[in-house]
Amino acid sequence: MGCTDDLKGRIDLCNALQMDFLGIPVSWRETDGAAYSYRCFTLEKVAEAVHTSNLPVAAVVDGPFSRLIAQKGLLELLREKGHDAGALSKALKEVEEDEIPLGELVTGCAQAGAKLVVIADDLAYNQTTYLQPAHMRQALFPCYAGLVSRIHELSLYALIHSDGNLTRIVPELIACGFDGILCQSDCPEMNVAFLKERYRDSLIWFTGIGADLLSASHLDEQSLSCFMTQVRDMVRDGHLVLSSCVGLFEPASVRQLEQVYAWLAGT
């Protein structure tokens, strides 16, 4: 589509694909993607997006677990703190003291005009969560509950994004007050349709378009038909926003998404 990797390019892409939300990774300082796999934008850019995109803006911020991983590294963190909820809780508090508090960033997002805040924390891999749920209950979930409370006080929606199998902790995320989950639809160990049915009316699920669909060299009728069957299972009773959890990193992904949307529109 010829879109550039800047705010205007992202807005143009969302409009061209007729998306319903504009998601923007947000930090206190703009990054060019060198330290991340994606570009981060400032609060000023969030305000610009609100005024120029005509789309509800979702501010995506690194959560407390991601912040800790950025300092320690995942493997080192799991080795040093993963078995000790007290040590993990202490480390999370230290990160919050060392950096600008997440609550302040969330407040800035609200003042800039965002409608949703997405807490981006990869908590799991394909099999299960990185940490024992009991440890997360003691150390991490109180952080989430406080953040979600702050987000709701600002009249915003609170979402959480994570890859991997979240089945064991969905009830805990609901208890933290999250309004929705952005997750993988193609995680083999997590049945989103089943979870939607089990926790009916508790969450909005942002999912449905898997990495395999976006990375395929060609989408034939059989692939699209299988995809549509999965979507029908997930969309039953509503509470689903059809989306991808993997991002659009390659030009081919955009072309595949165009094909998927066109196919859905024709069914």
Protein backbone atom coordinates (compact mmCIF):
# COMPACT_ATOMS: atom_id res chain seq x y z
CA MET A 1 0.00 0.00 0.00
CA GLY A 2 3.04 2.25 0.16
CA CYS A 3 2.45 3.28 3.78
CA THR A 4 5.36 4.65 5.79
CA ASP A 5 6.30 3.52 9.30
CA ASP A 6 5.10 6.66 11.02
CA LEU A 7 1.86 7.87 12.50
CA LYS A 8 0.36 9.00 9.18
CA GLY A 9 1.28 5.68 7.59
CA ARG A 10 -0.47 3.75 10.33
CA ILE A 11 -3.57 5.90 10.08
CA ASP A 12 -3.62 5.51 6.29
CA LEU A 13 -3.27 1.72 6.64
CA CYS A 14 -6.11 1.46 9.17
CA ASN A 15 -8.36 3.59 6.99
CA ALA A 16 -7.49 1.65 3.84
CA LEU A 17 -8.32 -1.63 5.57
CA GLN A 18 -11.46 -0.10 7.12
CA MET A 19 -10.37 -1.02 10.64
CA ASP A 20 -12.43 0.03 13.64
CA PHE A 21 -9.58 0.94 16.01
CA LEU A 22 -6.16 2.54 15.76
CA GLY A 23 -3.61 0.94 18.08
CA ILE A 24 -0.52 2.94 18.97
CA PRO A 25 2.39 1.67 21.10
CA VAL A 26 3.04 4.49 23.57
CA SER A 27 6.05 5.50 25.65
CA TRP A 28 7.32 8.70 27.21
CA ARG A 29 9.85 9.02 24.41
CA GLU A 30 9.53 8.03 20.80
CA THR A 31 11.62 5.11 19.55
CA ASP A 32 12.43 4.14 16.00
CA GLY A 33 12.10 0.43 16.62
CA ALA A 34 15.81 -0.18 17.16
CA ALA A 35 15.31 -1.35 20.74
CA TYR A 36 11.93 -2.93 20.08
CA SER A 37 10.32 -4.92 17.29
CA TYR A 38 7.92 -2.01 16.79
CA ARG A 39 7.88 1.78 16.92
CA CYS A 40 6.69 3.60 20.04
CA PHE A 41 5.03 7.01 19.95
CA THR A 42 4.78 9.86 22.44
CA LEU A 43 1.66 11.18 24.12
CA GLU A 44 1.74 14.13 21.74
CA LYS A 45 1.41 11.67 18.85
CA VAL A 46 -1.55 10.03 20.59
CA ALA A 47 -3.30 13.40 20.70
CA GLU A 48 -2.45 13.96 17.03
CA ALA A 49 -3.89 10.55 16.13
CA VAL A 50 -7.10 11.28 18.04
CA HIS A 51 -7.62 14.49 16.08
CA THR A 52 -6.64 13.23 12.62
CA SER A 53 -7.69 9.59 12.38
CA ASN A 54 -11.43 9.68 13.20
CA LEU A 55 -10.89 6.28 14.84
CA PRO A 56 -11.01 5.29 18.51
CA VAL A 57 -7.37 5.18 19.65
CA ALA A 58 -6.06 2.32 21.73
CA ALA A 59 -2.87 3.24 23.59
CA VAL A 60 -0.64 0.17 23.94
CA VAL A 61 1.74 0.37 26.91
CA ASP A 62 4.28 -2.12 28.22
CA GLY A 63 2.93 -3.72 31.37
CA PRO A 64 4.83 -4.32 34.62
CA PHE A 65 6.00 -7.78 33.58
CA SER A 66 7.32 -6.49 30.24
CA ARG A 67 9.13 -3.68 32.01
CA LEU A 68 10.79 -6.18 34.30
CA ILE A 69 11.78 -8.41 31.39
CA ALA A 70 13.30 -5.39 29.62
CA GLN A 71 15.59 -4.91 32.62
CA LYS A 72 16.40 -8.50 33.50
CA GLY A 73 15.74 -10.60 30.41
CA LEU A 74 13.11 -13.33 30.49
CA LEU A 75 15.37 -16.31 31.21
CA GLU A 76 17.31 -14.51 33.94
CA LEU A 77 14.08 -13.27 35.49
CA LEU A 78 12.57 -16.74 35.57
CA ARG A 79 15.76 -18.21 36.99
CA GLU A 80 16.17 -15.59 39.72
CA LYS A 81 12.58 -14.66 40.63
CA GLY A 82 10.24 -17.13 38.95
CA HIS A 83 10.10 -19.50 41.91
CA ASP A 84 9.79 -16.79 44.59
CA ALA A 85 6.65 -14.66 44.62
CA GLY A 86 8.10 -12.34 47.26
CA ALA A 87 11.22 -11.65 45.20
CA LEU A 88 9.09 -11.12 42.10
CA SER A 89 6.85 -8.66 43.91
CA LYS A 90 9.88 -6.74 45.17
CA ALA A 91 11.39 -6.61 41.67
CA LEU A 92 8.15 -5.29 40.18
CA LYS A 93 8.02 -2.51 42.78
CA GLU A 94 11.65 -1.60 42.09
CA VAL A 95 10.98 -1.28 38.37
CA GLU A 96 8.02 1.00 39.07
CA GLU A 97 10.24 3.16 41.29
CA ASP A 98 13.07 3.27 38.74
CA GLU A 99 10.86 4.29 35.83
CA ILE A 100 8.01 6.73 35.35
CA PRO A 101 4.99 5.02 36.95
CA LEU A 102 2.59 3.31 34.59
CA GLY A 103 -0.29 5.13 36.25
CA GLU A 104 1.13 8.45 35.06
CA LEU A 105 1.52 7.16 31.50
CA VAL A 106 -2.07 5.89 31.55
CA THR A 107 -3.28 9.29 32.79
CA GLY A 108 -1.37 10.94 29.95
CA CYS A 109 -3.03 8.62 27.45
CA ALA A 110 -6.46 9.62 28.75
CA GLN A 111 -5.60 13.31 28.60
CA ALA A 112 -4.43 12.82 25.01
CA GLY A 113 -7.85 11.42 24.11
CA ALA A 114 -7.29 7.65 23.93
CA LYS A 115 -10.40 5.52 24.46
CA LEU A 116 -8.71 2.23 25.35
CA VAL A 117 -5.51 1.23 27.12
CA VAL A 118 -3.88 -2.09 26.26
CA ILE A 119 -1.47 -3.48 28.86
CA ALA A 120 1.04 -5.46 26.79
CA ASP A 121 2.53 -8.28 28.87
CA ASP A 122 3.46 -11.61 27.31
CA LEU A 123 2.64 -13.93 30.19
CA ALA A 124 2.67 -17.32 28.51
CA TYR A 125 3.99 -19.60 25.79
CA ASN A 126 2.07 -22.24 23.87
CA GLN A 127 1.82 -24.69 26.77
CA THR A 128 1.10 -22.51 29.80
CA THR A 129 2.09 -19.36 31.71
CA TYR A 130 5.73 -18.55 32.44
CA LEU A 131 4.96 -18.12 36.12
CA GLN A 132 2.87 -20.20 38.49
CA PRO A 133 -0.61 -18.66 38.83
CA ALA A 134 -0.18 -18.61 42.62
CA HIS A 135 2.94 -16.43 42.25
CA MET A 136 1.17 -14.16 39.77
CA ARG A 137 -1.75 -13.88 42.18
CA GLN A 138 0.59 -12.60 44.88
CA ALA A 139 2.96 -10.43 42.86
CA LEU A 140 1.55 -9.43 39.47
CA PHE A 141 -2.23 -9.40 39.63
CA PRO A 142 -2.34 -6.70 42.35
CA CYS A 143 -0.37 -4.48 39.92
CA TYR A 144 -2.97 -5.16 37.25
CA ALA A 145 -5.89 -4.49 39.58
CA GLY A 146 -4.44 -1.10 40.50
CA LEU A 147 -3.78 -0.19 36.87
CA VAL A 148 -7.24 -1.28 35.72
CA SER A 149 -8.85 0.69 38.54
CA ARG A 150 -6.94 3.78 37.42
CA ILE A 151 -7.90 3.22 33.77
CA HIS A 152 -11.58 2.90 34.69
CA GLU A 153 -11.41 6.02 36.86
CA LEU A 154 -10.32 7.82 33.68
CA SER A 155 -13.38 6.41 31.85
CA LEU A 156 -11.26 4.26 29.53
CA TYR A 157 -11.50 0.58 28.67
CA ALA A 158 -8.74 -1.67 30.01
CA LEU A 159 -7.45 -4.51 27.84
CA ILE A 160 -4.57 -6.93 28.25
CA HIS A 161 -2.48 -8.41 25.46
CA SER A 162 -0.52 -11.63 25.78
CA ASP A 163 0.62 -14.40 23.51
CA GLY A 164 0.45 -18.03 24.58
CA ASN A 165 -1.97 -20.17 26.55
CA LEU A 166 -3.80 -18.04 29.10
CA THR A 167 -6.43 -20.64 30.03
CA ARG A 168 -5.26 -21.05 33.64
CA ILE A 169 -5.39 -17.33 34.42
CA VAL A 170 -8.46 -16.05 32.57
CA PRO A 171 -10.53 -16.01 35.81
CA GLU A 172 -7.76 -14.01 37.50
CA LEU A 173 -7.66 -11.48 34.65
CA ILE A 174 -11.42 -11.08 34.92
CA ALA A 175 -11.03 -10.54 38.68
CA CYS A 176 -8.45 -7.81 37.97
CA GLY A 177 -11.22 -5.97 36.11
CA PHE A 178 -10.00 -6.18 32.52
CA ASP A 179 -12.66 -5.48 29.91
CA GLY A 180 -11.03 -7.54 27.19
CA ILE A 181 -8.17 -9.83 26.17
CA LEU A 182 -6.07 -9.62 23.01
CA CYS A 183 -4.77 -13.12 22.42
CA GLN A 184 -3.67 -15.66 19.85
CA SER A 185 -6.37 -17.60 18.07
CA ASP A 186 -3.88 -20.18 16.82
CA CYS A 187 -2.35 -21.19 20.16
CA PRO A 188 -2.88 -24.98 19.99
CA GLU A 189 -3.48 -25.38 23.74
CA MET A 190 -6.04 -22.57 24.16
CA ASN A 191 -9.61 -22.94 22.90
CA VAL A 192 -10.90 -19.39 22.58
CA ALA A 193 -14.42 -20.47 21.57
CA PHE A 194 -14.66 -22.60 24.72
CA LEU A 195 -13.33 -19.81 26.93
CA LYS A 196 -15.79 -17.31 25.43
CA GLU A 197 -18.64 -19.66 26.27
CA ARG A 198 -17.36 -20.44 29.76
CA TYR A 199 -16.82 -16.79 30.71
CA ARG A 200 -19.82 -15.45 28.85
CA ASP A 201 -20.48 -11.72 29.28
CA SER A 202 -17.25 -11.23 31.29
CA LEU A 203 -14.83 -10.20 28.53
CA ILE A 204 -14.50 -8.93 24.98
CA TRP A 205 -12.07 -11.11 23.00
CA PHE A 206 -9.81 -9.47 20.42
CA THR A 207 -8.57 -12.39 18.33
CA GLY A 208 -9.40 -14.62 15.38
CA ILE A 209 -6.72 -13.94 12.74
CA GLY A 210 -3.74 -16.18 13.36
CA ALA A 211 -0.13 -15.83 12.35
CA ASP A 212 -0.46 -18.79 9.98
CA LEU A 213 -3.11 -16.92 8.01
CA LEU A 214 -1.04 -13.74 7.70
CA SER A 215 2.22 -15.49 6.85
CA ALA A 216 0.85 -17.96 4.29
CA SER A 217 2.32 -17.61 0.81
CA HIS A 218 -1.14 -18.18 -0.65
CA LEU A 219 -4.67 -18.38 0.73
CA ASP A 220 -6.75 -20.93 -1.12
CA GLU A 221 -10.46 -21.57 -0.76
CA GLN A 222 -9.90 -24.42 1.68
CA SER A 223 -7.77 -22.27 4.01
CA LEU A 224 -10.33 -19.48 3.99
CA SER A 225 -13.20 -21.90 4.55
CA CYS A 226 -11.41 -23.42 7.57
CA PHE A 227 -10.76 -19.92 8.90
CA MET A 228 -14.42 -18.99 8.53
CA THR A 229 -15.50 -22.09 10.44
CA GLN A 230 -13.25 -21.07 13.32
CA VAL A 231 -14.57 -17.51 13.24
CA ARG A 232 -18.18 -18.73 13.36
CA ASP A 233 -17.35 -20.75 16.47
CA MET A 234 -15.76 -17.74 18.14
CA VAL A 235 -18.29 -15.12 17.11
CA ARG A 236 -21.24 -17.06 18.52
CA ASP A 237 -23.02 -14.89 21.15
CA GLY A 238 -20.88 -11.89 20.23
CA HIS A 239 -18.15 -10.47 22.50
CA LEU A 240 -15.56 -10.79 19.71
CA VAL A 241 -13.53 -8.17 17.84
CA LEU A 242 -11.92 -9.91 14.88
CA SER A 243 -8.25 -9.02 15.00
CA SER A 244 -4.69 -10.28 14.88
CA CYS A 245 -2.42 -10.67 17.87
CA VAL A 246 0.77 -10.87 15.82
CA GLY A 247 0.97 -7.51 14.05
CA LEU A 248 1.51 -6.61 10.41
CA PHE A 249 5.27 -6.86 10.05
CA GLU A 250 5.47 -7.84 6.39
CA PRO A 251 3.86 -6.35 3.26
CA ALA A 252 2.50 -9.84 2.52
CA SER A 253 0.55 -9.74 5.79
CA VAL A 254 -1.35 -6.67 4.59
CA ARG A 255 -2.21 -8.38 1.32
CA GLN A 256 -3.41 -11.46 3.16
CA LEU A 257 -5.54 -9.34 5.48
CA GLU A 258 -7.13 -7.60 2.50
CA GLN A 259 -8.01 -11.00 1.08
CA VAL A 260 -9.45 -12.20 4.38
CA TYR A 261 -11.60 -9.07 4.77
CA ALA A 262 -12.83 -9.31 1.19
CA TRP A 263 -13.72 -12.96 1.68
CA LEU A 264 -15.58 -12.21 4.94
CA ALA A 265 -17.51 -9.39 3.28
CA GLY A 266 -18.69 -11.77 0.60
CA THR A 267 -19.99 -14.45 2.97
